[in-house]
N, C-alpha and C. Protein backbone atom coordinates (compact mmCIF):
# COMPACT_ATOMS: atom_id res chain seq x y z
N UNK A 1 6.73 19.62 10.53
CA UNK A 1 5.93 18.47 10.94
C UNK A 1 6.79 17.52 11.76
N UNK A 2 6.35 17.22 12.98
CA UNK A 2 7.11 16.36 13.89
C UNK A 2 7.05 14.91 13.46
N UNK A 3 8.12 14.17 13.76
CA UNK A 3 8.14 12.74 13.50
C UNK A 3 7.08 12.02 14.32
N UNK A 4 6.60 12.67 15.42
CA UNK A 4 5.61 12.07 16.29
C UNK A 4 4.18 12.35 15.86
N UNK A 5 4.00 13.11 14.77
CA UNK A 5 2.67 13.44 14.29
C UNK A 5 1.88 12.18 13.97
N UNK A 6 0.60 12.17 14.33
CA UNK A 6 -0.31 11.10 13.94
C UNK A 6 -0.17 10.89 12.44
N UNK A 7 0.02 9.63 11.98
CA UNK A 7 0.26 9.43 10.55
C UNK A 7 -0.90 9.89 9.67
N UNK A 8 -2.13 9.83 10.16
CA UNK A 8 -3.26 10.32 9.36
C UNK A 8 -3.17 11.84 9.20
N UNK A 9 -2.76 12.52 10.27
CA UNK A 9 -2.56 13.97 10.18
C UNK A 9 -1.40 14.30 9.25
N UNK A 10 -0.31 13.52 9.38
CA UNK A 10 0.86 13.74 8.53
C UNK A 10 0.52 13.55 7.06
N UNK A 11 -0.27 12.51 6.75
CA UNK A 11 -0.70 12.30 5.36
C UNK A 11 -1.46 13.53 4.87
N UNK A 12 -2.39 14.02 5.68
CA UNK A 12 -3.17 15.19 5.27
C UNK A 12 -2.31 16.41 5.03
N UNK A 13 -1.35 16.65 5.93
CA UNK A 13 -0.48 17.81 5.78
C UNK A 13 0.38 17.71 4.53
N UNK A 14 0.94 16.53 4.30
CA UNK A 14 1.81 16.34 3.14
C UNK A 14 1.03 16.48 1.84
N UNK A 15 -0.13 15.82 1.76
CA UNK A 15 -0.90 15.88 0.53
C UNK A 15 -1.42 17.30 0.26
N UNK A 16 -1.82 18.00 1.31
CA UNK A 16 -2.29 19.37 1.15
C UNK A 16 -1.17 20.28 0.67
N UNK A 17 -0.01 20.15 1.28
CA UNK A 17 1.14 20.96 0.89
C UNK A 17 1.52 20.73 -0.57
N UNK A 18 1.39 19.47 -1.02
CA UNK A 18 1.82 19.11 -2.37
C UNK A 18 0.69 19.21 -3.39
N UNK A 19 -0.53 19.47 -2.95
CA UNK A 19 -1.65 19.55 -3.86
C UNK A 19 -1.97 18.20 -4.50
N UNK A 20 -1.83 17.11 -3.72
CA UNK A 20 -2.01 15.76 -4.25
C UNK A 20 -3.21 15.07 -3.61
N UNK A 21 -3.59 13.93 -4.20
CA UNK A 21 -4.81 13.24 -3.78
C UNK A 21 -4.54 11.76 -3.54
N UNK A 22 -5.50 11.12 -2.85
CA UNK A 22 -5.32 9.73 -2.41
C UNK A 22 -6.58 8.92 -2.60
N UNK A 23 -6.41 7.66 -3.02
CA UNK A 23 -7.46 6.65 -3.00
C UNK A 23 -6.90 5.42 -2.31
N UNK A 24 -7.74 4.67 -1.62
CA UNK A 24 -7.28 3.47 -0.91
C UNK A 24 -8.08 2.26 -1.36
N UNK A 25 -7.43 1.10 -1.29
CA UNK A 25 -8.07 -0.18 -1.57
C UNK A 25 -7.74 -1.10 -0.40
N UNK A 26 -8.76 -1.56 0.30
CA UNK A 26 -8.54 -2.32 1.52
C UNK A 26 -9.16 -3.70 1.45
N UNK A 27 -8.44 -4.66 2.02
CA UNK A 27 -8.96 -6.00 2.17
C UNK A 27 -9.10 -6.29 3.66
N UNK A 28 -8.05 -6.73 4.32
CA UNK A 28 -8.19 -7.14 5.72
C UNK A 28 -8.61 -6.00 6.63
N UNK A 29 -8.28 -4.74 6.31
CA UNK A 29 -8.62 -3.63 7.20
C UNK A 29 -10.07 -3.18 7.05
N UNK A 30 -10.76 -3.60 6.01
CA UNK A 30 -12.19 -3.40 5.89
C UNK A 30 -12.68 -1.97 6.00
N UNK A 31 -11.89 -1.00 5.57
CA UNK A 31 -12.29 0.40 5.61
C UNK A 31 -11.62 1.21 6.70
N UNK A 32 -10.79 0.58 7.53
CA UNK A 32 -10.14 1.31 8.63
C UNK A 32 -9.18 2.38 8.14
N UNK A 33 -8.47 2.12 7.04
CA UNK A 33 -7.53 3.12 6.52
C UNK A 33 -8.29 4.37 6.09
N UNK A 34 -9.35 4.16 5.32
CA UNK A 34 -10.15 5.30 4.89
C UNK A 34 -10.76 6.04 6.07
N UNK A 35 -11.19 5.29 7.09
CA UNK A 35 -11.74 5.91 8.28
C UNK A 35 -10.71 6.76 8.99
N UNK A 36 -9.49 6.25 9.11
CA UNK A 36 -8.43 7.02 9.77
C UNK A 36 -8.11 8.28 8.98
N UNK A 37 -8.07 8.17 7.66
CA UNK A 37 -7.78 9.35 6.83
C UNK A 37 -8.86 10.41 7.04
N UNK A 38 -10.12 9.98 7.06
CA UNK A 38 -11.22 10.94 7.16
C UNK A 38 -11.51 11.37 8.59
N UNK A 39 -10.79 10.83 9.58
CA UNK A 39 -10.85 11.36 10.94
C UNK A 39 -10.29 12.78 11.00
N UNK A 40 -9.47 13.13 10.03
CA UNK A 40 -8.80 14.43 10.03
C UNK A 40 -9.71 15.47 9.37
N UNK A 41 -10.02 16.55 10.04
CA UNK A 41 -10.86 17.58 9.43
C UNK A 41 -10.23 18.10 8.13
N UNK A 42 -11.05 18.29 7.11
CA UNK A 42 -10.56 18.80 5.84
C UNK A 42 -10.07 17.74 4.90
N UNK A 43 -10.28 16.46 5.25
CA UNK A 43 -9.78 15.37 4.41
C UNK A 43 -10.37 15.37 3.01
N UNK A 44 -11.53 16.00 2.84
CA UNK A 44 -12.16 16.02 1.51
C UNK A 44 -11.31 16.76 0.49
N UNK A 45 -10.35 17.54 0.95
CA UNK A 45 -9.48 18.26 0.01
C UNK A 45 -8.50 17.34 -0.70
N UNK A 46 -8.22 16.16 -0.12
CA UNK A 46 -7.21 15.29 -0.71
C UNK A 46 -7.63 13.82 -0.78
N UNK A 47 -8.66 13.41 -0.05
CA UNK A 47 -9.09 12.01 -0.08
C UNK A 47 -10.23 11.86 -1.07
N UNK A 48 -10.02 11.03 -2.09
CA UNK A 48 -11.01 10.89 -3.15
C UNK A 48 -12.01 9.78 -2.86
N UNK A 49 -11.52 8.58 -2.59
CA UNK A 49 -12.43 7.44 -2.37
C UNK A 49 -11.68 6.26 -1.76
N UNK A 50 -12.49 5.31 -1.26
CA UNK A 50 -11.94 4.06 -0.74
C UNK A 50 -12.71 2.88 -1.28
N UNK A 51 -11.98 1.83 -1.62
CA UNK A 51 -12.57 0.57 -2.07
C UNK A 51 -12.34 -0.48 -0.97
N UNK A 52 -13.39 -1.16 -0.55
CA UNK A 52 -13.24 -2.32 0.34
C UNK A 52 -13.49 -3.55 -0.52
N UNK A 53 -12.41 -4.24 -0.85
CA UNK A 53 -12.46 -5.38 -1.79
C UNK A 53 -11.96 -6.61 -1.06
N UNK A 54 -12.88 -7.28 -0.38
CA UNK A 54 -12.51 -8.39 0.48
C UNK A 54 -12.33 -9.69 -0.29
N UNK A 55 -13.24 -9.98 -1.20
CA UNK A 55 -13.22 -11.24 -1.93
C UNK A 55 -12.44 -11.11 -3.24
N UNK A 56 -12.10 -12.26 -3.82
CA UNK A 56 -11.45 -12.27 -5.12
C UNK A 56 -12.25 -11.49 -6.15
N UNK A 57 -13.55 -11.78 -6.23
CA UNK A 57 -14.37 -11.15 -7.25
C UNK A 57 -14.39 -9.63 -7.09
N UNK A 58 -14.41 -9.15 -5.85
CA UNK A 58 -14.39 -7.71 -5.63
C UNK A 58 -13.08 -7.10 -6.12
N UNK A 59 -11.98 -7.78 -5.86
CA UNK A 59 -10.69 -7.27 -6.31
C UNK A 59 -10.63 -7.20 -7.84
N UNK A 60 -11.24 -8.19 -8.50
CA UNK A 60 -11.25 -8.19 -9.97
C UNK A 60 -12.25 -7.18 -10.52
N UNK A 61 -13.47 -7.17 -9.96
CA UNK A 61 -14.53 -6.36 -10.55
C UNK A 61 -14.39 -4.87 -10.24
N UNK A 62 -14.07 -4.54 -8.99
CA UNK A 62 -14.02 -3.14 -8.60
C UNK A 62 -12.67 -2.49 -8.91
N UNK A 63 -11.60 -3.26 -8.77
CA UNK A 63 -10.26 -2.70 -8.98
C UNK A 63 -9.64 -3.10 -10.31
N UNK A 64 -9.99 -4.29 -10.79
CA UNK A 64 -9.35 -4.78 -12.00
C UNK A 64 -8.06 -5.52 -11.74
N UNK A 65 -7.86 -6.03 -10.51
CA UNK A 65 -6.71 -6.89 -10.25
C UNK A 65 -6.84 -8.12 -11.16
N UNK A 66 -5.76 -8.49 -11.80
CA UNK A 66 -5.85 -9.53 -12.82
C UNK A 66 -6.08 -10.91 -12.22
N UNK A 67 -6.79 -11.73 -12.97
CA UNK A 67 -6.99 -13.12 -12.57
C UNK A 67 -5.64 -13.82 -12.40
N UNK A 68 -4.71 -13.49 -13.27
CA UNK A 68 -3.39 -14.14 -13.21
C UNK A 68 -2.67 -13.82 -11.90
N UNK A 69 -2.74 -12.56 -11.48
CA UNK A 69 -2.10 -12.19 -10.23
C UNK A 69 -2.70 -12.95 -9.06
N UNK A 70 -4.02 -12.99 -9.00
CA UNK A 70 -4.70 -13.69 -7.90
C UNK A 70 -4.45 -15.19 -7.96
N UNK A 71 -4.45 -15.74 -9.17
CA UNK A 71 -4.26 -17.18 -9.31
C UNK A 71 -2.83 -17.58 -8.97
N UNK A 72 -1.88 -16.76 -9.37
CA UNK A 72 -0.47 -17.09 -9.13
C UNK A 72 -0.04 -16.85 -7.68
N UNK A 73 -0.57 -15.80 -7.06
CA UNK A 73 -0.05 -15.36 -5.77
C UNK A 73 -1.05 -15.42 -4.62
N UNK A 74 -2.33 -15.41 -4.92
CA UNK A 74 -3.34 -15.33 -3.88
C UNK A 74 -3.62 -13.91 -3.47
N UNK A 75 -4.60 -13.76 -2.57
CA UNK A 75 -4.99 -12.42 -2.12
C UNK A 75 -3.92 -11.79 -1.24
N UNK A 76 -3.21 -12.61 -0.48
CA UNK A 76 -2.24 -12.10 0.50
C UNK A 76 -0.84 -12.26 -0.09
N UNK A 77 -0.40 -11.24 -0.81
CA UNK A 77 0.89 -11.30 -1.49
C UNK A 77 1.30 -9.91 -1.94
N UNK A 78 2.61 -9.71 -2.09
CA UNK A 78 3.14 -8.43 -2.53
C UNK A 78 2.61 -7.98 -3.88
N UNK A 79 2.63 -8.84 -4.91
CA UNK A 79 2.12 -8.42 -6.21
C UNK A 79 0.65 -8.01 -6.16
N UNK A 80 -0.15 -8.68 -5.35
CA UNK A 80 -1.56 -8.32 -5.23
C UNK A 80 -1.71 -6.96 -4.56
N UNK A 81 -0.95 -6.72 -3.50
CA UNK A 81 -1.02 -5.42 -2.82
C UNK A 81 -0.62 -4.29 -3.77
N UNK A 82 0.44 -4.51 -4.54
CA UNK A 82 0.87 -3.48 -5.49
C UNK A 82 -0.19 -3.20 -6.53
N UNK A 83 -0.77 -4.28 -7.07
CA UNK A 83 -1.76 -4.10 -8.12
C UNK A 83 -3.02 -3.43 -7.56
N UNK A 84 -3.41 -3.75 -6.34
CA UNK A 84 -4.54 -3.07 -5.71
C UNK A 84 -4.27 -1.56 -5.60
N UNK A 85 -3.08 -1.20 -5.16
CA UNK A 85 -2.75 0.22 -5.02
C UNK A 85 -2.72 0.91 -6.38
N UNK A 86 -2.15 0.24 -7.38
CA UNK A 86 -2.10 0.82 -8.72
C UNK A 86 -3.49 1.05 -9.29
N UNK A 87 -4.35 0.04 -9.13
CA UNK A 87 -5.69 0.14 -9.72
C UNK A 87 -6.53 1.19 -8.99
N UNK A 88 -6.40 1.27 -7.67
CA UNK A 88 -7.12 2.31 -6.93
C UNK A 88 -6.69 3.69 -7.41
N UNK A 89 -5.40 3.89 -7.53
CA UNK A 89 -4.86 5.16 -8.02
C UNK A 89 -5.39 5.49 -9.41
N UNK A 90 -5.35 4.52 -10.31
CA UNK A 90 -5.70 4.79 -11.70
C UNK A 90 -7.20 4.92 -11.91
N UNK A 91 -8.00 4.09 -11.21
CA UNK A 91 -9.46 4.23 -11.34
C UNK A 91 -9.93 5.57 -10.80
N UNK A 92 -9.35 6.01 -9.70
CA UNK A 92 -9.76 7.27 -9.08
C UNK A 92 -9.06 8.47 -9.70
N UNK A 93 -8.03 8.23 -10.50
CA UNK A 93 -7.21 9.29 -11.10
C UNK A 93 -6.63 10.19 -10.02
N UNK A 94 -6.06 9.55 -8.99
CA UNK A 94 -5.42 10.27 -7.91
C UNK A 94 -3.91 10.20 -8.05
N UNK A 95 -3.23 10.96 -7.22
CA UNK A 95 -1.76 10.94 -7.22
C UNK A 95 -1.23 9.67 -6.55
N UNK A 96 -1.91 9.25 -5.49
CA UNK A 96 -1.45 8.13 -4.68
C UNK A 96 -2.52 7.07 -4.54
N UNK A 97 -2.09 5.82 -4.52
CA UNK A 97 -2.93 4.70 -4.17
C UNK A 97 -2.30 3.95 -3.02
N UNK A 98 -3.12 3.50 -2.07
CA UNK A 98 -2.63 2.80 -0.88
C UNK A 98 -3.51 1.58 -0.67
N UNK A 99 -2.89 0.43 -0.38
CA UNK A 99 -3.68 -0.80 -0.23
C UNK A 99 -3.22 -1.62 0.97
N UNK A 100 -4.13 -2.47 1.45
CA UNK A 100 -3.80 -3.42 2.51
C UNK A 100 -4.41 -4.78 2.18
N UNK A 101 -3.67 -5.84 2.44
CA UNK A 101 -4.19 -7.20 2.32
C UNK A 101 -3.40 -8.07 3.29
N UNK A 102 -4.05 -9.04 3.90
CA UNK A 102 -3.34 -9.85 4.88
C UNK A 102 -4.25 -10.85 5.56
N UNK A 103 -3.73 -11.45 6.62
CA UNK A 103 -4.45 -12.47 7.39
C UNK A 103 -4.65 -11.94 8.81
N UNK A 104 -5.89 -11.56 9.13
CA UNK A 104 -6.16 -10.95 10.43
C UNK A 104 -6.41 -11.97 11.52
N UNK A 105 -6.75 -13.22 11.15
CA UNK A 105 -6.98 -14.26 12.14
C UNK A 105 -8.38 -14.19 12.73
N UNK A 106 -8.66 -15.02 13.74
CA UNK A 106 -7.70 -15.93 14.39
C UNK A 106 -7.40 -17.18 13.57
N UNK A 107 -8.26 -17.52 12.62
CA UNK A 107 -8.00 -18.66 11.75
C UNK A 107 -7.48 -18.20 10.41
N UNK A 108 -7.26 -19.18 9.54
CA UNK A 108 -6.86 -18.87 8.17
C UNK A 108 -5.38 -18.81 7.91
N UNK A 109 -4.55 -18.88 8.98
CA UNK A 109 -3.12 -18.81 8.79
C UNK A 109 -2.52 -20.16 8.39
N UNK A 110 -1.40 -20.11 7.72
CA UNK A 110 -0.63 -21.29 7.35
C UNK A 110 0.83 -21.04 7.68
N UNK A 111 1.67 -22.06 7.52
CA UNK A 111 3.10 -21.86 7.74
C UNK A 111 3.65 -20.81 6.78
N UNK A 112 3.14 -20.81 5.56
CA UNK A 112 3.62 -19.90 4.53
C UNK A 112 3.05 -18.50 4.69
N UNK A 113 1.79 -18.44 5.13
CA UNK A 113 1.10 -17.16 5.31
C UNK A 113 0.42 -17.17 6.68
N UNK A 114 1.19 -16.86 7.73
CA UNK A 114 0.65 -16.96 9.09
C UNK A 114 -0.29 -15.82 9.43
N UNK A 115 -1.08 -16.02 10.48
CA UNK A 115 -1.90 -14.93 11.00
C UNK A 115 -0.98 -13.77 11.36
N UNK A 116 -1.36 -12.58 10.96
CA UNK A 116 -0.55 -11.39 11.19
C UNK A 116 0.29 -10.97 10.01
N UNK A 117 0.34 -11.82 8.96
CA UNK A 117 1.08 -11.44 7.75
C UNK A 117 0.27 -10.40 6.98
N UNK A 118 0.90 -9.29 6.66
CA UNK A 118 0.23 -8.18 5.99
C UNK A 118 1.12 -7.65 4.87
N UNK A 119 0.50 -7.31 3.76
CA UNK A 119 1.19 -6.60 2.69
C UNK A 119 0.51 -5.26 2.47
N UNK A 120 1.31 -4.23 2.34
CA UNK A 120 0.83 -2.88 2.10
C UNK A 120 1.37 -2.44 0.74
N UNK A 121 0.50 -1.93 -0.10
CA UNK A 121 0.92 -1.44 -1.41
C UNK A 121 0.82 0.08 -1.47
N UNK A 122 1.79 0.69 -2.11
CA UNK A 122 1.79 2.14 -2.35
C UNK A 122 2.09 2.37 -3.82
N UNK A 123 1.28 3.20 -4.47
CA UNK A 123 1.49 3.52 -5.88
C UNK A 123 1.46 5.04 -6.05
N UNK A 124 2.40 5.56 -6.82
CA UNK A 124 2.55 7.00 -7.03
C UNK A 124 2.43 7.32 -8.51
N UNK A 125 1.64 8.33 -8.84
CA UNK A 125 1.52 8.81 -10.21
C UNK A 125 2.30 10.11 -10.35
N UNK A 126 3.47 10.03 -10.93
CA UNK A 126 4.28 11.22 -11.16
C UNK A 126 3.72 11.99 -12.35
N UNK A 127 4.10 13.24 -12.51
CA UNK A 127 3.66 13.98 -13.68
C UNK A 127 4.03 13.24 -14.97
N UNK A 128 3.19 13.38 -15.98
CA UNK A 128 3.44 12.70 -17.25
C UNK A 128 4.79 13.11 -17.83
N UNK A 129 5.43 12.16 -18.50
CA UNK A 129 6.70 12.36 -19.22
C UNK A 129 7.89 12.53 -18.30
N UNK A 130 7.71 12.27 -17.00
CA UNK A 130 8.86 12.36 -16.10
C UNK A 130 9.47 10.99 -15.82
N UNK A 131 8.72 9.91 -16.08
CA UNK A 131 9.21 8.56 -15.79
C UNK A 131 9.31 8.27 -14.32
N UNK A 132 8.62 9.07 -13.48
CA UNK A 132 8.79 8.91 -12.04
C UNK A 132 7.72 8.10 -11.34
N UNK A 133 6.72 7.61 -12.07
CA UNK A 133 5.68 6.81 -11.42
C UNK A 133 6.24 5.48 -10.96
N UNK A 134 5.71 4.96 -9.84
CA UNK A 134 6.19 3.68 -9.33
C UNK A 134 5.16 3.08 -8.38
N UNK A 135 5.34 1.82 -8.08
CA UNK A 135 4.57 1.17 -7.02
C UNK A 135 5.49 0.23 -6.27
N UNK A 136 5.11 -0.09 -5.05
CA UNK A 136 5.91 -0.98 -4.22
C UNK A 136 5.01 -1.64 -3.20
N UNK A 137 5.52 -2.68 -2.58
CA UNK A 137 4.80 -3.28 -1.47
C UNK A 137 5.73 -3.47 -0.29
N UNK A 138 5.15 -3.53 0.88
CA UNK A 138 5.87 -3.77 2.13
C UNK A 138 5.25 -4.98 2.81
N UNK A 139 6.08 -5.89 3.24
CA UNK A 139 5.62 -7.07 3.97
C UNK A 139 5.88 -6.86 5.46
N UNK A 140 4.88 -7.13 6.28
CA UNK A 140 5.04 -6.99 7.72
C UNK A 140 4.37 -8.17 8.42
N UNK A 141 4.89 -8.56 9.56
CA UNK A 141 4.27 -9.58 10.39
C UNK A 141 3.90 -8.94 11.72
N UNK A 142 2.60 -8.87 11.98
CA UNK A 142 2.08 -8.20 13.15
C UNK A 142 1.53 -9.22 14.14
N UNK A 143 1.39 -8.82 15.39
CA UNK A 143 0.92 -9.74 16.42
C UNK A 143 -0.32 -9.16 17.10
N UNK A 144 -1.03 -10.02 17.82
CA UNK A 144 -2.21 -9.59 18.55
C UNK A 144 -3.45 -10.31 18.06
N UNK A 145 -4.60 -9.91 18.60
CA UNK A 145 -5.85 -10.51 18.15
C UNK A 145 -6.31 -9.84 16.85
N UNK A 146 -7.47 -10.24 16.36
CA UNK A 146 -7.94 -9.76 15.07
C UNK A 146 -8.04 -8.23 15.03
N UNK A 147 -8.65 -7.64 16.06
CA UNK A 147 -8.79 -6.19 16.08
C UNK A 147 -7.43 -5.50 16.11
N UNK A 148 -6.51 -6.05 16.89
CA UNK A 148 -5.18 -5.44 17.00
C UNK A 148 -4.45 -5.50 15.67
N UNK A 149 -4.55 -6.62 14.97
CA UNK A 149 -3.86 -6.76 13.68
C UNK A 149 -4.47 -5.81 12.66
N UNK A 150 -5.78 -5.71 12.63
CA UNK A 150 -6.43 -4.79 11.69
C UNK A 150 -6.02 -3.34 11.98
N UNK A 151 -6.06 -2.96 13.25
CA UNK A 151 -5.69 -1.60 13.59
C UNK A 151 -4.24 -1.29 13.29
N UNK A 152 -3.35 -2.24 13.63
CA UNK A 152 -1.93 -2.03 13.37
C UNK A 152 -1.64 -1.99 11.87
N UNK A 153 -2.40 -2.76 11.10
CA UNK A 153 -2.22 -2.76 9.64
C UNK A 153 -2.57 -1.39 9.05
N UNK A 154 -3.66 -0.79 9.53
CA UNK A 154 -4.06 0.53 9.05
C UNK A 154 -3.00 1.57 9.40
N UNK A 155 -2.47 1.51 10.63
CA UNK A 155 -1.44 2.46 11.03
C UNK A 155 -0.16 2.27 10.23
N UNK A 156 0.21 1.01 10.00
CA UNK A 156 1.42 0.73 9.22
C UNK A 156 1.28 1.23 7.78
N UNK A 157 0.07 1.08 7.24
CA UNK A 157 -0.16 1.57 5.87
C UNK A 157 0.01 3.08 5.81
N UNK A 158 -0.54 3.80 6.76
CA UNK A 158 -0.40 5.26 6.76
C UNK A 158 1.06 5.66 6.98
N UNK A 159 1.74 4.95 7.88
CA UNK A 159 3.17 5.23 8.09
C UNK A 159 3.96 5.05 6.79
N UNK A 160 3.66 3.99 6.07
CA UNK A 160 4.38 3.73 4.83
C UNK A 160 4.08 4.79 3.78
N UNK A 161 2.84 5.25 3.73
CA UNK A 161 2.51 6.32 2.79
C UNK A 161 3.26 7.59 3.13
N UNK A 162 3.30 7.95 4.41
CA UNK A 162 4.05 9.13 4.83
C UNK A 162 5.52 9.00 4.43
N UNK A 163 6.10 7.83 4.70
CA UNK A 163 7.51 7.60 4.38
C UNK A 163 7.77 7.76 2.88
N UNK A 164 6.85 7.25 2.07
CA UNK A 164 7.05 7.29 0.63
C UNK A 164 6.86 8.70 0.07
N UNK A 165 5.87 9.42 0.59
CA UNK A 165 5.68 10.81 0.14
C UNK A 165 6.93 11.62 0.47
N UNK A 166 7.48 11.43 1.65
CA UNK A 166 8.69 12.18 2.03
C UNK A 166 9.87 11.80 1.14
N UNK A 167 9.92 10.55 0.75
CA UNK A 167 10.97 10.12 -0.17
C UNK A 167 10.84 10.83 -1.51
N UNK A 168 9.62 10.94 -2.01
CA UNK A 168 9.39 11.65 -3.27
C UNK A 168 9.72 13.14 -3.11
N UNK A 169 9.37 13.71 -1.97
CA UNK A 169 9.72 15.11 -1.71
C UNK A 169 11.23 15.31 -1.76
N UNK A 170 11.97 14.41 -1.14
CA UNK A 170 13.43 14.52 -1.16
C UNK A 170 13.96 14.44 -2.59
N UNK A 171 13.37 13.52 -3.38
CA UNK A 171 13.79 13.39 -4.78
C UNK A 171 13.48 14.66 -5.55
N UNK A 172 12.32 15.26 -5.29
CA UNK A 172 11.95 16.50 -5.97
C UNK A 172 12.92 17.62 -5.63
N UNK A 173 13.34 17.67 -4.37
CA UNK A 173 14.30 18.71 -3.97
C UNK A 173 15.63 18.52 -4.68
N UNK A 174 16.05 17.26 -4.85
CA UNK A 174 17.28 16.99 -5.56
C UNK A 174 17.19 17.45 -7.01
N UNK A 175 16.05 17.21 -7.63
CA UNK A 175 15.86 17.64 -9.01
C UNK A 175 15.92 19.16 -9.10
N UNK A 176 15.24 19.84 -8.16
CA UNK A 176 15.22 21.30 -8.18
C UNK A 176 16.60 21.87 -7.92
N UNK A 177 17.36 21.21 -7.05
CA UNK A 177 18.66 21.75 -6.66
C UNK A 177 19.79 21.42 -7.60
N UNK A 178 19.67 20.26 -8.31
CA UNK A 178 20.78 19.80 -9.13
C UNK A 178 20.44 19.65 -10.59
N UNK A 179 19.15 19.74 -10.91
CA UNK A 179 18.76 19.59 -12.30
C UNK A 179 18.65 18.16 -12.75
N UNK A 180 18.90 17.21 -11.85
CA UNK A 180 18.76 15.79 -12.17
C UNK A 180 18.57 15.03 -10.86
N UNK A 181 18.15 13.81 -10.99
CA UNK A 181 17.99 12.98 -9.80
C UNK A 181 18.29 11.54 -10.13
N UNK A 182 19.02 10.89 -9.24
CA UNK A 182 19.24 9.45 -9.40
C UNK A 182 18.46 8.67 -8.36
N UNK A 183 17.42 9.32 -7.78
CA UNK A 183 16.69 8.69 -6.68
C UNK A 183 15.92 7.46 -7.12
N UNK A 184 15.59 7.32 -8.41
CA UNK A 184 14.80 6.17 -8.85
C UNK A 184 15.61 4.88 -8.87
N UNK A 185 16.92 4.98 -8.73
CA UNK A 185 17.74 3.78 -8.86
C UNK A 185 17.35 2.73 -7.84
N UNK A 186 17.05 3.16 -6.61
CA UNK A 186 16.73 2.20 -5.56
C UNK A 186 15.30 2.32 -5.05
N UNK A 187 14.51 3.21 -5.67
CA UNK A 187 13.18 3.46 -5.13
C UNK A 187 12.33 2.22 -5.16
N UNK A 188 12.44 1.39 -6.19
CA UNK A 188 11.55 0.25 -6.33
C UNK A 188 12.24 -1.07 -6.01
N UNK A 189 13.43 -1.04 -5.49
CA UNK A 189 14.15 -2.28 -5.25
C UNK A 189 13.78 -2.91 -3.92
N UNK A 190 14.26 -4.15 -3.71
CA UNK A 190 13.97 -4.84 -2.45
C UNK A 190 14.82 -4.23 -1.35
N UNK A 191 14.20 -4.01 -0.23
CA UNK A 191 14.91 -3.46 0.91
C UNK A 191 14.55 -4.27 2.14
N UNK A 192 15.53 -4.77 2.83
CA UNK A 192 15.29 -5.50 4.07
C UNK A 192 15.44 -4.54 5.22
N UNK A 193 14.32 -4.20 5.86
CA UNK A 193 14.33 -3.20 6.89
C UNK A 193 14.49 -3.78 8.28
N UNK A 194 14.70 -5.11 8.37
CA UNK A 194 14.79 -5.73 9.68
C UNK A 194 13.42 -5.83 10.33
N UNK A 195 13.37 -6.37 11.49
CA UNK A 195 12.15 -6.49 12.31
C UNK A 195 10.95 -6.96 11.50
N UNK A 196 11.15 -8.05 10.74
CA UNK A 196 10.06 -8.73 10.04
C UNK A 196 9.39 -7.88 8.98
N UNK A 197 10.11 -6.95 8.36
CA UNK A 197 9.50 -6.13 7.32
C UNK A 197 10.38 -6.17 6.09
N UNK A 198 9.75 -6.29 4.93
CA UNK A 198 10.51 -6.35 3.70
C UNK A 198 9.76 -5.63 2.61
N UNK A 199 10.48 -4.91 1.77
CA UNK A 199 9.86 -4.19 0.68
C UNK A 199 10.06 -4.93 -0.63
N UNK A 200 9.02 -4.94 -1.45
CA UNK A 200 9.09 -5.58 -2.75
C UNK A 200 8.68 -4.55 -3.79
N UNK A 201 9.57 -4.21 -4.71
CA UNK A 201 9.26 -3.16 -5.65
C UNK A 201 9.09 -3.65 -7.06
N UNK A 202 8.95 -2.69 -7.99
CA UNK A 202 8.66 -3.04 -9.37
C UNK A 202 9.80 -3.76 -10.05
N UNK A 203 11.04 -3.55 -9.62
CA UNK A 203 12.15 -4.20 -10.29
C UNK A 203 12.12 -5.71 -10.07
N UNK A 204 11.55 -6.13 -8.96
CA UNK A 204 11.36 -7.54 -8.69
C UNK A 204 9.90 -7.75 -8.37
N UNK A 205 9.13 -8.26 -9.32
CA UNK A 205 7.70 -8.36 -9.14
C UNK A 205 7.28 -9.59 -8.36
N UNK A 206 8.24 -10.31 -7.76
CA UNK A 206 7.93 -11.48 -6.94
C UNK A 206 7.14 -12.52 -7.71
N UNK A 207 7.57 -12.77 -8.94
CA UNK A 207 6.79 -13.66 -9.79
C UNK A 207 6.60 -15.05 -9.24
N UNK A 208 7.50 -15.53 -8.39
CA UNK A 208 7.37 -16.89 -7.88
C UNK A 208 6.96 -16.92 -6.42
N UNK A 209 6.61 -15.76 -5.87
CA UNK A 209 6.31 -15.69 -4.46
C UNK A 209 5.05 -16.47 -4.11
N UNK A 210 5.20 -17.38 -3.15
CA UNK A 210 4.07 -18.12 -2.58
C UNK A 210 3.26 -18.89 -3.60
N UNK A 211 3.85 -19.29 -4.73
CA UNK A 211 3.15 -20.15 -5.67
C UNK A 211 2.89 -21.50 -5.03
N UNK A 212 1.79 -22.09 -5.43
CA UNK A 212 1.50 -23.43 -4.97
C UNK A 212 0.70 -23.48 -3.69
N UNK A 213 0.48 -22.33 -3.07
CA UNK A 213 -0.34 -22.31 -1.85
C UNK A 213 -1.72 -21.83 -2.18
N UNK A 214 -2.73 -22.63 -1.81
CA UNK A 214 -4.10 -22.25 -2.08
C UNK A 214 -4.77 -21.63 -0.87
N UNK A 215 -4.06 -21.53 0.25
CA UNK A 215 -4.65 -20.96 1.44
C UNK A 215 -4.76 -19.46 1.29
N UNK A 216 -5.75 -18.87 2.00
CA UNK A 216 -5.92 -17.42 2.09
C UNK A 216 -6.16 -16.76 0.76
N UNK A 217 -6.74 -17.48 -0.21
CA UNK A 217 -6.91 -16.90 -1.53
C UNK A 217 -8.23 -16.18 -1.71
N UNK A 218 -9.24 -16.54 -0.95
CA UNK A 218 -10.55 -15.97 -1.20
C UNK A 218 -10.73 -14.54 -0.74
N UNK A 219 -9.94 -14.10 0.24
CA UNK A 219 -10.10 -12.75 0.76
C UNK A 219 -8.88 -12.38 1.56
N UNK A 220 -8.81 -11.11 1.96
CA UNK A 220 -7.79 -10.68 2.93
C UNK A 220 -8.34 -10.94 4.31
N UNK A 221 -8.45 -12.18 4.70
CA UNK A 221 -9.26 -12.60 5.84
C UNK A 221 -8.79 -12.00 7.15
């Protein structure tokens, strides 16, 4: 599989090869991620369902995102993206959960959460008793008009899913080749990738992130 492969195609190839499945939970992208996944012929073999949860109540009722998470962090935050991905994965009983939440604009931005701020959540369900399940979020700042930000958010989400599946594949190869793996040591940690992107993992749940801001709480606008 080429590094230049369309990320939706790459997701399909990887999930098919691994016999795994996917559910998505979308806020600002409004179904674009699921649409991109199902653009690929044969997606029914690995794509289970998509949730479009724009408002607070939808995130709570359809996904089960906790009131505390939404109250503490708002809709546009790393912990919310992670919990959306986790709940999509667990409700659908899939291997992977993928989520998007952010500020698409043109209004609704603040100094703390500007237009173009996006969080992507990825959650993985490893086989039982392996201790390998995890979730993480990625923070990105995108530019352009509303349509451009929504489209770029969907592509970034698929790119992140591809990257994470390949990371798990590498870890699996290490286990097969050496009988053990230390890949989990940094899998969920914070990583500064440069160019306005940051990863937030389970080891640091961002408990104090963006507290005190009431903007952008009602939806992934």
